[in-house]
Amino acid sequence: MNIAPKLGTTRSETAVFLIAVLAALYAVSQFLRNSIGVIANDLARELHLTATQTGFLSSAFFFAFAAVQIPIGILIDRYGPKRTMLATAVLTVVGTVFFAIAPSAPMLIAARVLMGLGCSTFFMAPLVIYARRFPPERFAGLTSLQMGLANMGTLAATAPLAASAAVFGWRASFFAVAILTVVIVLAIARVVPRDAGSNRPNETWAAAFRGVAAALKVPSFWPVFFMHLTTYGCFASVIGLWGGPWLSDVHGADLGMRGNILLLGATAQICGMLLWGAMDRFWGSYKKPVLIGSTATILLLVVLVSCLSIGPPQPSGSRSSASVWPIRRS
C-alpha cells in the first residue's frame, strides 16, 4: 500500500504517523514483557504459583523472544518487515487472550511463550523500515525515539496496570491490551508502506544462516551483545519481575505502592533512552555514555542489595502464604 502523502498531508505528518504506530506496537511488547512484576503476587495467590513457576512465567517470554531472533531476521529479509510483523502480531493477540483466561500455571506459561514469539518482530521490523525509509544519519535518533516512546508500555506495566488490576482485575486488563493490539495492528496495515519484496529472493535458508554466521564474526558485535545482555537483563529482572515481590515481602508495599515505585524506574528508563541516543554527538564517542550508564547501574544494584540486607523485619505470620519472594529470614 502506497503511503504517498495525500492532499493536505505533508511528508513530515506521514513520517509522524509511521513512527507513532510502530512505536505503539513496540510499546505493547514492552508492556507484556514487564507486566508480571506488579501482579506477580496476585497471580501467585490466585493460581497457587510457586516462586519457580513465577520466575519461569516471566522468563518464558524472553526465552521465546530470543530463540527466534535469527529466524525472524531472515524472514524480514525474505518477506519484508511489514508482512512479518503483521503475521507475528496475530500470535501476540492470541497469547494475550490465553493469558487473560488461563486457569493454571502451564497455560499462563504457554501464553507467555506465544507473547514472546509474537512480539519478536516489534523492534527489529521497525528498525528495518526506518533504515529503508530515512537517511542513514537519522537512524540512531529514530532508534532512540522508537525505544523511548515504546517504553510508555513499560510505564503502563507499573502504576497504571496496578490501578487497572485493582479496579477491573488483571484478567480484564489483559483483555483490554489484546483489543488495543488489534487496533494498532489495523493502523499499521493502513499506514506502513507495502513491502517492496526481498532483495535476495533466491537466497536459500542455508545461505541466510551463513550470512548470520559471518555477521557474528564481526569483532565489534560481541562487546555490544554482552553489554546489552547484562544491562538490560538487570532492568528486566528488577522491573519486569522481582521488583514487585521484593517491595511487597521485604517492605510491605501494597499493589498501588508497588506500581508507583516501579513507575519511577520505568520513567527513568524512558528518559535515559531519549537522552543516551543523542550523547554520541555530545561526547563524540559511544564508549563514554556506556561506561557512565553501566557504572551507575552497578552502584544502584549495590544500593538495592544493601536495602535488602537491612530491610525492616516482618512481624511473625505477616508474610502471605502466596508470597513468591524466594528469601528466608531468620
C-alpha atoms as a PDB file:
ATOM      1  CA  MET A   1       0.000   0.000   0.000  1.00  0.00           C
ATOM      2  CA  ASN A   2       1.466   3.304  -1.031  1.00  0.00           C
ATOM      3  CA  ILE A   3       1.568   5.942   1.673  1.00  0.00           C
ATOM      4  CA  ALA A   4       2.486   8.832  -0.579  1.00  0.00           C
ATOM      5  CA  PRO A   5       1.122  11.945   1.113  1.00  0.00           C
ATOM      6  CA  LYS A   6      -2.470  12.734   0.239  1.00  0.00           C
ATOM      7  CA  LEU A   7      -3.762  16.233  -0.417  1.00  0.00           C
ATOM      8  CA  GLY A   8      -3.343  18.279   2.759  1.00  0.00           C
ATOM      9  CA  THR A   9      -0.909  15.822   4.340  1.00  0.00           C
ATOM     10  CA  THR A  10       2.783  16.682   4.444  1.00  0.00           C
ATOM     11  CA  ARG A  11       5.657  14.224   4.326  1.00  0.00           C
ATOM     12  CA  SER A  12       6.503  15.171   7.919  1.00  0.00           C
ATOM     13  CA  GLU A  13       2.983  14.280   9.071  1.00  0.00           C
ATOM     14  CA  THR A  14       3.214  10.963   7.241  1.00  0.00           C
ATOM     15  CA  ALA A  15       6.523  10.231   8.992  1.00  0.00           C
ATOM     16  CA  VAL A  16       4.991  11.109  12.370  1.00  0.00           C
ATOM     17  CA  PHE A  17       2.101   8.685  11.787  1.00  0.00           C
ATOM     18  CA  LEU A  18       4.526   5.987  10.714  1.00  0.00           C
ATOM     19  CA  ILE A  19       6.750   6.360  13.771  1.00  0.00           C
ATOM     20  CA  ALA A  20       3.736   6.611  16.087  1.00  0.00           C
ATOM     21  CA  VAL A  21       2.150   3.318  15.034  1.00  0.00           C
ATOM     22  CA  LEU A  22       5.453   1.439  15.015  1.00  0.00           C
ATOM     23  CA  ALA A  23       6.359   2.760  18.466  1.00  0.00           C
ATOM     24  CA  ALA A  24       2.860   1.894  19.721  1.00  0.00           C
ATOM     25  CA  LEU A  25       3.239  -1.725  18.654  1.00  0.00           C
ATOM     26  CA  TYR A  26       6.631  -1.994  20.313  1.00  0.00           C
ATOM     27  CA  ALA A  27       5.059  -0.443  23.420  1.00  0.00           C
ATOM     28  CA  VAL A  28       2.752  -3.480  23.557  1.00  0.00           C
ATOM     29  CA  SER A  29       5.834  -5.690  23.641  1.00  0.00           C
ATOM     30  CA  GLN A  30       7.360  -3.612  26.429  1.00  0.00           C
ATOM     31  CA  PHE A  31       4.143  -3.812  28.425  1.00  0.00           C
ATOM     32  CA  LEU A  32       3.790  -7.561  28.076  1.00  0.00           C
ATOM     33  CA  ARG A  33       7.397  -8.380  28.923  1.00  0.00           C
ATOM     34  CA  ASN A  34       7.343  -6.237  32.079  1.00  0.00           C
ATOM     35  CA  SER A  35       3.765  -6.830  33.225  1.00  0.00           C
ATOM     36  CA  ILE A  36       4.472  -9.692  35.623  1.00  0.00           C
ATOM     37  CA  GLY A  37       6.347  -7.577  38.174  1.00  0.00           C
ATOM     38  CA  VAL A  38       3.351  -5.664  39.524  1.00  0.00           C
ATOM     39  CA  ILE A  39       0.835  -8.530  39.510  1.00  0.00           C
ATOM     40  CA  ALA A  40       3.197 -11.393  40.470  1.00  0.00           C
ATOM     41  CA  ASN A  41       1.801 -11.683  43.988  1.00  0.00           C
ATOM     42  CA  ASP A  42      -1.776 -11.619  42.707  1.00  0.00           C
ATOM     43  CA  LEU A  43      -1.039 -14.359  40.168  1.00  0.00           C
ATOM     44  CA  ALA A  44       0.697 -16.448  42.812  1.00  0.00           C
ATOM     45  CA  ARG A  45      -2.187 -16.078  45.243  1.00  0.00           C
ATOM     46  CA  GLU A  46      -4.981 -16.759  42.735  1.00  0.00           C
ATOM     47  CA  LEU A  47      -3.338 -19.635  40.843  1.00  0.00           C
ATOM     48  CA  HIS A  48      -1.141 -21.007  43.667  1.00  0.00           C
ATOM     49  CA  LEU A  49       2.134 -20.406  41.847  1.00  0.00           C
ATOM     50  CA  THR A  50       5.481 -21.238  43.387  1.00  0.00           C
ATOM     51  CA  ALA A  51       8.478 -18.895  43.131  1.00  0.00           C
ATOM     52  CA  THR A  52       9.915 -21.151  40.419  1.00  0.00           C
ATOM     53  CA  GLN A  53       6.712 -21.007  38.370  1.00  0.00           C
ATOM     54  CA  THR A  54       6.533 -17.241  38.768  1.00  0.00           C
ATOM     55  CA  GLY A  55      10.122 -16.843  37.630  1.00  0.00           C
ATOM     56  CA  PHE A  56       9.580 -19.097  34.634  1.00  0.00           C
ATOM     57  CA  LEU A  57       6.376 -17.218  33.847  1.00  0.00           C
ATOM     58  CA  SER A  58       8.423 -14.101  33.223  1.00  0.00           C
ATOM     59  CA  SER A  59      11.411 -15.767  31.560  1.00  0.00           C
ATOM     60  CA  ALA A  60       9.229 -17.785  29.134  1.00  0.00           C
ATOM     61  CA  PHE A  61       8.559 -14.562  27.226  1.00  0.00           C
ATOM     62  CA  PHE A  62      12.272 -13.765  26.919  1.00  0.00           C
ATOM     63  CA  PHE A  63      13.309 -17.326  26.031  1.00  0.00           C
ATOM     64  CA  ALA A  64      10.765 -17.464  23.194  1.00  0.00           C
ATOM     65  CA  PHE A  65      11.606 -13.935  22.083  1.00  0.00           C
ATOM     66  CA  ALA A  66      15.355 -14.635  21.952  1.00  0.00           C
ATOM     67  CA  ALA A  67      15.081 -18.093  20.386  1.00  0.00           C
ATOM     68  CA  VAL A  68      13.521 -16.807  17.167  1.00  0.00           C
ATOM     69  CA  GLN A  69      15.510 -13.622  16.609  1.00  0.00           C
ATOM     70  CA  ILE A  70      17.805 -15.084  13.965  1.00  0.00           C
ATOM     71  CA  PRO A  71      14.975 -16.777  12.001  1.00  0.00           C
ATOM     72  CA  ILE A  72      12.916 -13.593  12.325  1.00  0.00           C
ATOM     73  CA  GLY A  73      15.754 -11.551  10.850  1.00  0.00           C
ATOM     74  CA  ILE A  74      15.892 -13.902   7.887  1.00  0.00           C
ATOM     75  CA  LEU A  75      12.105 -13.751   7.443  1.00  0.00           C
ATOM     76  CA  ILE A  76      12.215  -9.957   7.474  1.00  0.00           C
ATOM     77  CA  ASP A  77      14.869 -10.014   4.752  1.00  0.00           C
ATOM     78  CA  ARG A  78      12.942 -12.530   2.649  1.00  0.00           C
ATOM     79  CA  TYR A  79       9.350 -11.347   3.048  1.00  0.00           C
ATOM     80  CA  GLY A  80       9.659  -7.781   4.269  1.00  0.00           C
ATOM     81  CA  PRO A  81       9.220  -6.152   7.686  1.00  0.00           C
ATOM     82  CA  LYS A  82       5.525  -5.306   7.358  1.00  0.00           C
ATOM     83  CA  ARG A  83       4.288  -8.768   6.434  1.00  0.00           C
ATOM     84  CA  THR A  84       6.477 -10.463   9.033  1.00  0.00           C
ATOM     85  CA  MET A  85       5.394  -8.045  11.746  1.00  0.00           C
ATOM     86  CA  LEU A  86       1.679  -8.408  10.999  1.00  0.00           C
ATOM     87  CA  ALA A  87       1.948 -12.206  10.927  1.00  0.00           C
ATOM     88  CA  THR A  88       3.594 -12.416  14.342  1.00  0.00           C
ATOM     89  CA  ALA A  89       1.164  -9.853  15.787  1.00  0.00           C
ATOM     90  CA  VAL A  90      -1.559 -12.491  15.494  1.00  0.00           C
ATOM     91  CA  LEU A  91       0.409 -14.659  17.951  1.00  0.00           C
ATOM     92  CA  THR A  92       0.649 -11.712  20.336  1.00  0.00           C
ATOM     93  CA  VAL A  93      -3.118 -11.223  20.377  1.00  0.00           C
ATOM     94  CA  VAL A  94      -3.772 -14.961  20.840  1.00  0.00           C
ATOM     95  CA  GLY A  95      -1.193 -15.201  23.624  1.00  0.00           C
ATOM     96  CA  THR A  96      -2.620 -12.178  25.448  1.00  0.00           C
ATOM     97  CA  VAL A  97      -6.155 -13.600  25.315  1.00  0.00           C
ATOM     98  CA  PHE A  98      -4.940 -17.002  26.526  1.00  0.00           C
ATOM     99  CA  PHE A  99      -3.136 -15.298  29.403  1.00  0.00           C
ATOM    100  CA  ALA A 100      -6.338 -13.491  30.390  1.00  0.00           C
ATOM    101  CA  ILE A 101      -8.344 -16.731  30.556  1.00  0.00           C
ATOM    102  CA  ALA A 102      -5.604 -19.057  31.850  1.00  0.00           C
ATOM    103  CA  PRO A 103      -6.791 -21.302  34.725  1.00  0.00           C
ATOM    104  CA  SER A 104      -3.365 -22.699  35.633  1.00  0.00           C
ATOM    105  CA  ALA A 105       0.387 -22.140  35.539  1.00  0.00           C
ATOM    106  CA  PRO A 106       1.016 -24.259  32.401  1.00  0.00           C
ATOM    107  CA  MET A 107      -1.464 -22.224  30.345  1.00  0.00           C
ATOM    108  CA  LEU A 108      -0.046 -18.972  31.704  1.00  0.00           C
ATOM    109  CA  ILE A 109       3.441 -20.060  30.651  1.00  0.00           C
ATOM    110  CA  ALA A 110       2.222 -21.215  27.221  1.00  0.00           C
ATOM    111  CA  ALA A 111       0.537 -17.842  26.758  1.00  0.00           C
ATOM    112  CA  ARG A 112       3.762 -16.069  27.661  1.00  0.00           C
ATOM    113  CA  VAL A 113       5.617 -18.143  25.052  1.00  0.00           C
ATOM    114  CA  LEU A 114       3.094 -17.044  22.421  1.00  0.00           C
ATOM    115  CA  MET A 115       3.527 -13.438  23.534  1.00  0.00           C
ATOM    116  CA  GLY A 116       7.296 -13.713  23.181  1.00  0.00           C
ATOM    117  CA  LEU A 117       7.039 -15.251  19.723  1.00  0.00           C
ATOM    118  CA  GLY A 118       4.510 -12.639  18.640  1.00  0.00           C
ATOM    119  CA  CYS A 119       6.488  -9.657  19.920  1.00  0.00           C
ATOM    120  CA  SER A 120       9.744 -10.909  18.395  1.00  0.00           C
ATOM    121  CA  THR A 121       9.426  -8.605  15.359  1.00  0.00           C
ATOM    122  CA  PHE A 122       8.131  -5.479  17.073  1.00  0.00           C
ATOM    123  CA  PHE A 123      11.584  -3.912  17.431  1.00  0.00           C
ATOM    124  CA  MET A 124      13.636  -5.246  14.526  1.00  0.00           C
ATOM    125  CA  ALA A 125      10.973  -4.798  11.831  1.00  0.00           C
ATOM    126  CA  PRO A 126      10.514  -1.077  12.585  1.00  0.00           C
ATOM    127  CA  LEU A 127      14.292  -0.597  12.507  1.00  0.00           C
ATOM    128  CA  VAL A 128      14.392  -2.123   9.030  1.00  0.00           C
ATOM    129  CA  ILE A 129      11.594   0.202   7.942  1.00  0.00           C
ATOM    130  CA  TYR A 130      13.479   3.214   9.320  1.00  0.00           C
ATOM    131  CA  ALA A 131      16.689   2.112   7.581  1.00  0.00           C
ATOM    132  CA  ARG A 132      14.879   1.857   4.251  1.00  0.00           C
ATOM    133  CA  ARG A 133      12.737   4.992   4.529  1.00  0.00           C
ATOM    134  CA  PHE A 134      15.003   7.562   6.197  1.00  0.00           C
ATOM    135  CA  PRO A 135      18.545   8.905   5.627  1.00  0.00           C
ATOM    136  CA  PRO A 136      21.323   6.942   7.416  1.00  0.00           C
ATOM    137  CA  GLU A 137      22.256   9.884   9.648  1.00  0.00           C
ATOM    138  CA  ARG A 138      18.774   9.792  11.203  1.00  0.00           C
ATOM    139  CA  PHE A 139      18.871   6.111  12.108  1.00  0.00           C
ATOM    140  CA  ALA A 140      20.418   6.466  15.595  1.00  0.00           C
ATOM    141  CA  GLY A 141      17.947   9.180  16.531  1.00  0.00           C
ATOM    142  CA  LEU A 142      14.992   7.189  15.206  1.00  0.00           C
ATOM    143  CA  THR A 143      16.138   4.106  17.106  1.00  0.00           C
ATOM    144  CA  SER A 144      16.386   6.127  20.300  1.00  0.00           C
ATOM    145  CA  LEU A 145      12.945   7.615  19.625  1.00  0.00           C
ATOM    146  CA  GLN A 146      11.470   4.179  18.921  1.00  0.00           C
ATOM    147  CA  MET A 147      12.808   2.761  22.175  1.00  0.00           C
ATOM    148  CA  GLY A 148      11.995   5.822  24.244  1.00  0.00           C
ATOM    149  CA  LEU A 149       8.400   6.167  23.065  1.00  0.00           C
ATOM    150  CA  ALA A 150       7.805   2.421  23.199  1.00  0.00           C
ATOM    151  CA  ASN A 151       8.790   2.384  26.835  1.00  0.00           C
ATOM    152  CA  MET A 152       5.469   4.012  27.540  1.00  0.00           C
ATOM    153  CA  GLY A 153       4.474   0.346  27.566  1.00  0.00           C
ATOM    154  CA  THR A 154       6.913  -0.217  30.412  1.00  0.00           C
ATOM    155  CA  LEU A 155       5.296   2.677  32.246  1.00  0.00           C
ATOM    156  CA  ALA A 156       1.861   1.181  31.660  1.00  0.00           C
ATOM    157  CA  ALA A 157       3.058  -2.076  33.219  1.00  0.00           C
ATOM    158  CA  THR A 158       3.665  -0.346  36.568  1.00  0.00           C
ATOM    159  CA  ALA A 159       1.228   2.006  38.313  1.00  0.00           C
ATOM    160  CA  PRO A 160      -1.419   2.005  35.537  1.00  0.00           C
ATOM    161  CA  LEU A 161      -1.530  -1.793  35.489  1.00  0.00           C
ATOM    162  CA  ALA A 162      -1.694  -1.870  39.276  1.00  0.00           C
ATOM    163  CA  ALA A 163      -4.631   0.554  39.224  1.00  0.00           C
ATOM    164  CA  SER A 164      -6.399  -1.372  36.466  1.00  0.00           C
ATOM    165  CA  ALA A 165      -5.862  -4.693  38.234  1.00  0.00           C
ATOM    166  CA  ALA A 166      -7.242  -3.231  41.457  1.00  0.00           C
ATOM    167  CA  VAL A 167     -10.389  -1.902  39.765  1.00  0.00           C
ATOM    168  CA  PHE A 168     -11.088  -4.354  36.942  1.00  0.00           C
ATOM    169  CA  GLY A 169      -8.833  -7.309  37.726  1.00  0.00           C
ATOM    170  CA  TRP A 170      -5.720  -8.447  35.894  1.00  0.00           C
ATOM    171  CA  ARG A 171      -7.705 -10.671  33.515  1.00  0.00           C
ATOM    172  CA  ALA A 172      -9.856  -7.829  32.206  1.00  0.00           C
ATOM    173  CA  SER A 173      -6.745  -5.669  31.930  1.00  0.00           C
ATOM    174  CA  PHE A 174      -5.083  -8.159  29.587  1.00  0.00           C
ATOM    175  CA  PHE A 175      -8.252  -8.483  27.522  1.00  0.00           C
ATOM    176  CA  ALA A 176      -8.096  -4.716  27.036  1.00  0.00           C
ATOM    177  CA  VAL A 177      -4.458  -4.981  25.911  1.00  0.00           C
ATOM    178  CA  ALA A 178      -5.432  -7.632  23.347  1.00  0.00           C
ATOM    179  CA  ILE A 179      -8.104  -5.319  21.918  1.00  0.00           C
ATOM    180  CA  LEU A 180      -5.667  -2.400  21.831  1.00  0.00           C
ATOM    181  CA  THR A 181      -3.137  -4.563  19.983  1.00  0.00           C
ATOM    182  CA  VAL A 182      -5.712  -5.384  17.310  1.00  0.00           C
ATOM    183  CA  VAL A 183      -6.399  -1.656  16.828  1.00  0.00           C
ATOM    184  CA  ILE A 184      -2.677  -0.897  16.482  1.00  0.00           C
ATOM    185  CA  VAL A 185      -2.197  -3.757  14.017  1.00  0.00           C
ATOM    186  CA  LEU A 186      -5.031  -2.424  11.844  1.00  0.00           C
ATOM    187  CA  ALA A 187      -3.403   1.019  11.910  1.00  0.00           C
ATOM    188  CA  ILE A 188      -0.072  -0.484  10.844  1.00  0.00           C
ATOM    189  CA  ALA A 189      -1.754  -2.328   7.989  1.00  0.00           C
ATOM    190  CA  ARG A 190      -3.070   1.034   6.803  1.00  0.00           C
ATOM    191  CA  VAL A 191      -0.151   3.377   7.498  1.00  0.00           C
ATOM    192  CA  VAL A 192       3.048   1.384   6.975  1.00  0.00           C
ATOM    193  CA  PRO A 193       4.188   1.150   3.337  1.00  0.00           C
ATOM    194  CA  ARG A 194       3.798  -2.098   1.493  1.00  0.00           C
ATOM    195  CA  ASP A 195       6.920  -4.281   1.473  1.00  0.00           C
ATOM    196  CA  ALA A 196       8.873  -3.972  -1.710  1.00  0.00           C
ATOM    197  CA  GLY A 197       9.944  -7.601  -1.578  1.00  0.00           C
ATOM    198  CA  SER A 198      13.184  -9.302  -0.740  1.00  0.00           C
ATOM    199  CA  ASN A 199      16.438  -8.072  -2.187  1.00  0.00           C
ATOM    200  CA  ARG A 200      17.586 -11.702  -2.360  1.00  0.00           C
ATOM    201  CA  PRO A 201      14.525 -13.694  -3.454  1.00  0.00           C
ATOM    202  CA  ASN A 202      16.535 -16.770  -4.463  1.00  0.00           C
ATOM    203  CA  GLU A 203      18.612 -16.992  -1.304  1.00  0.00           C
ATOM    204  CA  THR A 204      18.332 -20.352   0.441  1.00  0.00           C
ATOM    205  CA  TRP A 205      17.939 -20.763   4.190  1.00  0.00           C
ATOM    206  CA  ALA A 206      21.448 -22.266   4.315  1.00  0.00           C
ATOM    207  CA  ALA A 207      22.865 -19.178   2.637  1.00  0.00           C
ATOM    208  CA  ALA A 208      20.929 -16.960   5.016  1.00  0.00           C
ATOM    209  CA  PHE A 209      22.355 -18.737   8.061  1.00  0.00           C
ATOM    210  CA  ARG A 210      25.848 -18.476   6.580  1.00  0.00           C
ATOM    211  CA  GLY A 211      25.258 -14.733   6.386  1.00  0.00           C
ATOM    212  CA  VAL A 212      24.315 -14.714  10.075  1.00  0.00           C
ATOM    213  CA  ALA A 213      27.488 -16.644  10.913  1.00  0.00           C
ATOM    214  CA  ALA A 214      29.529 -14.065   9.016  1.00  0.00           C
ATOM    215  CA  ALA A 215      27.867 -11.270  10.996  1.00  0.00           C
ATOM    216  CA  LEU A 216      28.725 -12.999  14.273  1.00  0.00           C
ATOM    217  CA  LYS A 217      32.400 -12.960  13.275  1.00  0.00           C
ATOM    218  CA  VAL A 218      32.469  -9.165  13.239  1.00  0.00           C
ATOM    219  CA  PRO A 219      34.636  -8.250  16.278  1.00  0.00           C
ATOM    220  CA  SER A 220      32.527  -5.249  17.300  1.00  0.00           C
ATOM    221  CA  PHE A 221      29.388  -7.387  17.658  1.00  0.00           C
ATOM    222  CA  TRP A 222      30.323  -9.202  20.859  1.00  0.00           C
ATOM    223  CA  PRO A 223      31.085  -6.233  23.145  1.00  0.00           C
ATOM    224  CA  VAL A 224      27.738  -4.670  22.203  1.00  0.00           C
ATOM    225  CA  PHE A 225      25.963  -8.005  22.672  1.00  0.00           C
ATOM    226  CA  PHE A 226      27.316  -8.640  26.174  1.00  0.00           C
ATOM    227  CA  MET A 227      26.783  -5.037  27.223  1.00  0.00           C
ATOM    228  CA  HIS A 228      23.119  -5.201  26.266  1.00  0.00           C
ATOM    229  CA  LEU A 229      22.743  -8.706  27.710  1.00  0.00           C
ATOM    230  CA  THR A 230      23.912  -7.646  31.158  1.00  0.00           C
ATOM    231  CA  THR A 231      22.470  -4.142  31.414  1.00  0.00           C
ATOM    232  CA  TYR A 232      19.015  -4.876  30.039  1.00  0.00           C
ATOM    233  CA  GLY A 233      18.963  -8.167  31.933  1.00  0.00           C
ATOM    234  CA  CYS A 234      19.290  -6.208  35.185  1.00  0.00           C
ATOM    235  CA  PHE A 235      16.435  -3.897  34.282  1.00  0.00           C
ATOM    236  CA  ALA A 236      14.129  -6.676  33.082  1.00  0.00           C
ATOM    237  CA  SER A 237      14.674  -8.840  36.148  1.00  0.00           C
ATOM    238  CA  VAL A 238      14.038  -5.984  38.598  1.00  0.00           C
ATOM    239  CA  ILE A 239      11.250  -4.010  36.905  1.00  0.00           C
ATOM    240  CA  GLY A 240       9.761  -6.908  34.971  1.00  0.00           C
ATOM    241  CA  LEU A 241       9.582  -9.499  37.744  1.00  0.00           C
ATOM    242  CA  TRP A 242      11.250  -9.466  41.148  1.00  0.00           C
ATOM    243  CA  GLY A 243      10.906  -5.778  41.973  1.00  0.00           C
ATOM    244  CA  GLY A 244       7.218  -6.164  42.832  1.00  0.00           C
ATOM    245  CA  PRO A 245       7.530  -9.221  45.112  1.00  0.00           C
ATOM    246  CA  TRP A 246      10.602  -7.697  46.781  1.00  0.00           C
ATOM    247  CA  LEU A 247       8.746  -4.480  47.587  1.00  0.00           C
ATOM    248  CA  SER A 248       5.806  -6.492  48.899  1.00  0.00           C
ATOM    249  CA  ASP A 249       7.619  -9.072  51.007  1.00  0.00           C
ATOM    250  CA  VAL A 250      10.581  -7.031  52.235  1.00  0.00           C
ATOM    251  CA  HIS A 251       8.980  -3.610  52.616  1.00  0.00           C
ATOM    252  CA  GLY A 252       5.279  -4.477  52.904  1.00  0.00           C
ATOM    253  CA  ALA A 253       4.224  -2.464  49.823  1.00  0.00           C
ATOM    254  CA  ASP A 254       0.656  -2.951  48.609  1.00  0.00           C
ATOM    255  CA  LEU A 255      -0.384  -3.196  44.953  1.00  0.00           C
ATOM    256  CA  GLY A 256      -0.655   0.563  44.450  1.00  0.00           C
ATOM    257  CA  MET A 257       2.675   1.337  46.120  1.00  0.00           C
ATOM    258  CA  ARG A 258       4.428  -1.380  44.119  1.00  0.00           C
ATOM    259  CA  GLY A 259       3.112   0.127  40.915  1.00  0.00           C
ATOM    260  CA  ASN A 260       4.129   3.654  41.868  1.00  0.00           C
ATOM    261  CA  ILE A 261       7.680   2.710  42.846  1.00  0.00           C
ATOM    262  CA  LEU A 262       8.243   0.622  39.733  1.00  0.00           C
ATOM    263  CA  LEU A 263       6.829   3.533  37.739  1.00  0.00           C
ATOM    264  CA  LEU A 264       9.848   5.581  38.816  1.00  0.00           C
ATOM    265  CA  GLY A 265      12.229   3.013  37.366  1.00  0.00           C
ATOM    266  CA  ALA A 266      10.298   2.796  34.112  1.00  0.00           C
ATOM    267  CA  THR A 267      10.187   6.590  33.813  1.00  0.00           C
ATOM    268  CA  ALA A 268      13.928   6.809  34.357  1.00  0.00           C
ATOM    269  CA  GLN A 269      14.469   4.275  31.575  1.00  0.00           C
ATOM    270  CA  ILE A 270      12.395   6.307  29.124  1.00  0.00           C
ATOM    271  CA  CYS A 271      14.336   9.461  29.949  1.00  0.00           C
ATOM    272  CA  GLY A 272      17.580   7.552  29.536  1.00  0.00           C
ATOM    273  CA  MET A 273      16.556   6.129  26.186  1.00  0.00           C
ATOM    274  CA  LEU A 274      15.792   9.576  24.820  1.00  0.00           C
ATOM    275  CA  LEU A 275      18.983  11.108  26.236  1.00  0.00           C
ATOM    276  CA  TRP A 276      21.591   8.419  25.566  1.00  0.00           C
ATOM    277  CA  GLY A 277      20.751   8.290  21.867  1.00  0.00           C
ATOM    278  CA  ALA A 278      21.985  11.854  21.451  1.00  0.00           C
ATOM    279  CA  MET A 279      25.003  11.506  23.747  1.00  0.00           C
ATOM    280  CA  ASP A 280      27.301  10.296  20.974  1.00  0.00           C
ATOM    281  CA  ARG A 281      27.110  13.780  19.470  1.00  0.00           C
ATOM    282  CA  PHE A 282      27.902  15.424  22.799  1.00  0.00           C
ATOM    283  CA  TRP A 283      30.753  13.109  23.847  1.00  0.00           C
ATOM    284  CA  GLY A 284      31.972  12.250  20.370  1.00  0.00           C
ATOM    285  CA  SER A 285      32.023   8.617  21.471  1.00  0.00           C
ATOM    286  CA  TYR A 286      29.698   5.740  22.313  1.00  0.00           C
ATOM    287  CA  LYS A 287      32.056   4.342  24.940  1.00  0.00           C
ATOM    288  CA  LYS A 288      31.796   7.177  27.483  1.00  0.00           C
ATOM    289  CA  PRO A 289      27.995   7.126  27.898  1.00  0.00           C
ATOM    290  CA  VAL A 290      28.028   3.323  28.033  1.00  0.00           C
ATOM    291  CA  LEU A 291      30.630   3.328  30.810  1.00  0.00           C
ATOM    292  CA  ILE A 292      28.791   6.047  32.746  1.00  0.00           C
ATOM    293  CA  GLY A 293      25.439   4.258  32.484  1.00  0.00           C
ATOM    294  CA  SER A 294      26.903   0.845  33.354  1.00  0.00           C
ATOM    295  CA  THR A 295      28.730   2.212  36.384  1.00  0.00           C
ATOM    296  CA  ALA A 296      25.556   3.887  37.619  1.00  0.00           C
ATOM    297  CA  THR A 297      23.653   0.610  37.194  1.00  0.00           C
ATOM    298  CA  ILE A 298      26.227  -1.318  39.240  1.00  0.00           C
ATOM    299  CA  LEU A 299      26.180   1.266  42.048  1.00  0.00           C
ATOM    300  CA  LEU A 300      22.376   1.291  42.208  1.00  0.00           C
ATOM    301  CA  LEU A 301      22.235  -2.513  42.339  1.00  0.00           C
ATOM    302  CA  VAL A 302      24.663  -2.372  45.273  1.00  0.00           C
ATOM    303  CA  VAL A 303      22.262   0.054  46.963  1.00  0.00           C
ATOM    304  CA  LEU A 304      19.366  -2.367  46.381  1.00  0.00           C
ATOM    305  CA  VAL A 305      21.340  -5.234  47.876  1.00  0.00           C
ATOM    306  CA  SER A 306      22.126  -3.065  50.899  1.00  0.00           C
ATOM    307  CA  CYS A 307      18.440  -2.193  51.289  1.00  0.00           C
ATOM    308  CA  LEU A 308      17.575  -5.881  51.126  1.00  0.00           C
ATOM    309  CA  SER A 309      20.049  -6.781  53.851  1.00  0.00           C
ATOM    310  CA  ILE A 310      18.777  -4.071  56.211  1.00  0.00           C
ATOM    311  CA  GLY A 311      15.104  -4.227  55.262  1.00  0.00           C
ATOM    312  CA  PRO A 312      12.613  -3.920  58.126  1.00  0.00           C
ATOM    313  CA  PRO A 313      11.776  -7.252  59.757  1.00  0.00           C
ATOM    314  CA  GLN A 314       8.322  -8.618  59.094  1.00  0.00           C
ATOM    315  CA  PRO A 315       6.069  -9.443  62.032  1.00  0.00           C
ATOM    316  CA  SER A 316       5.617 -13.133  62.634  1.00  0.00           C
ATOM    317  CA  GLY A 317       2.909 -14.542  60.402  1.00  0.00           C
ATOM    318  CA  SER A 318       2.627 -11.394  58.304  1.00  0.00           C
ATOM    319  CA  ARG A 319       4.049 -12.947  55.213  1.00  0.00           C
ATOM    320  CA  SER A 320       1.424 -14.247  52.828  1.00  0.00           C
ATOM    321  CA  SER A 321       1.391 -17.939  52.058  1.00  0.00           C
ATOM    322  CA  ALA A 322       1.165 -16.954  48.402  1.00  0.00           C
ATOM    323  CA  SER A 323       4.393 -14.980  48.585  1.00  0.00           C
ATOM    324  CA  VAL A 324       6.763 -15.576  45.721  1.00  0.00           C
ATOM    325  CA  TRP A 325       9.895 -13.831  47.031  1.00  0.00           C
ATOM    326  CA  PRO A 326      12.403 -16.669  47.490  1.00  0.00           C
ATOM    327  CA  ILE A 327      14.131 -15.440  50.655  1.00  0.00           C
ATOM    328  CA  ARG A 328      14.299 -16.931  54.112  1.00  0.00           C
ATOM    329  CA  ARG A 329      14.547 -14.686  57.143  1.00  0.00           C
ATOM    330  CA  SER A 330      15.922 -15.788  60.464  1.00  0.00           C
END
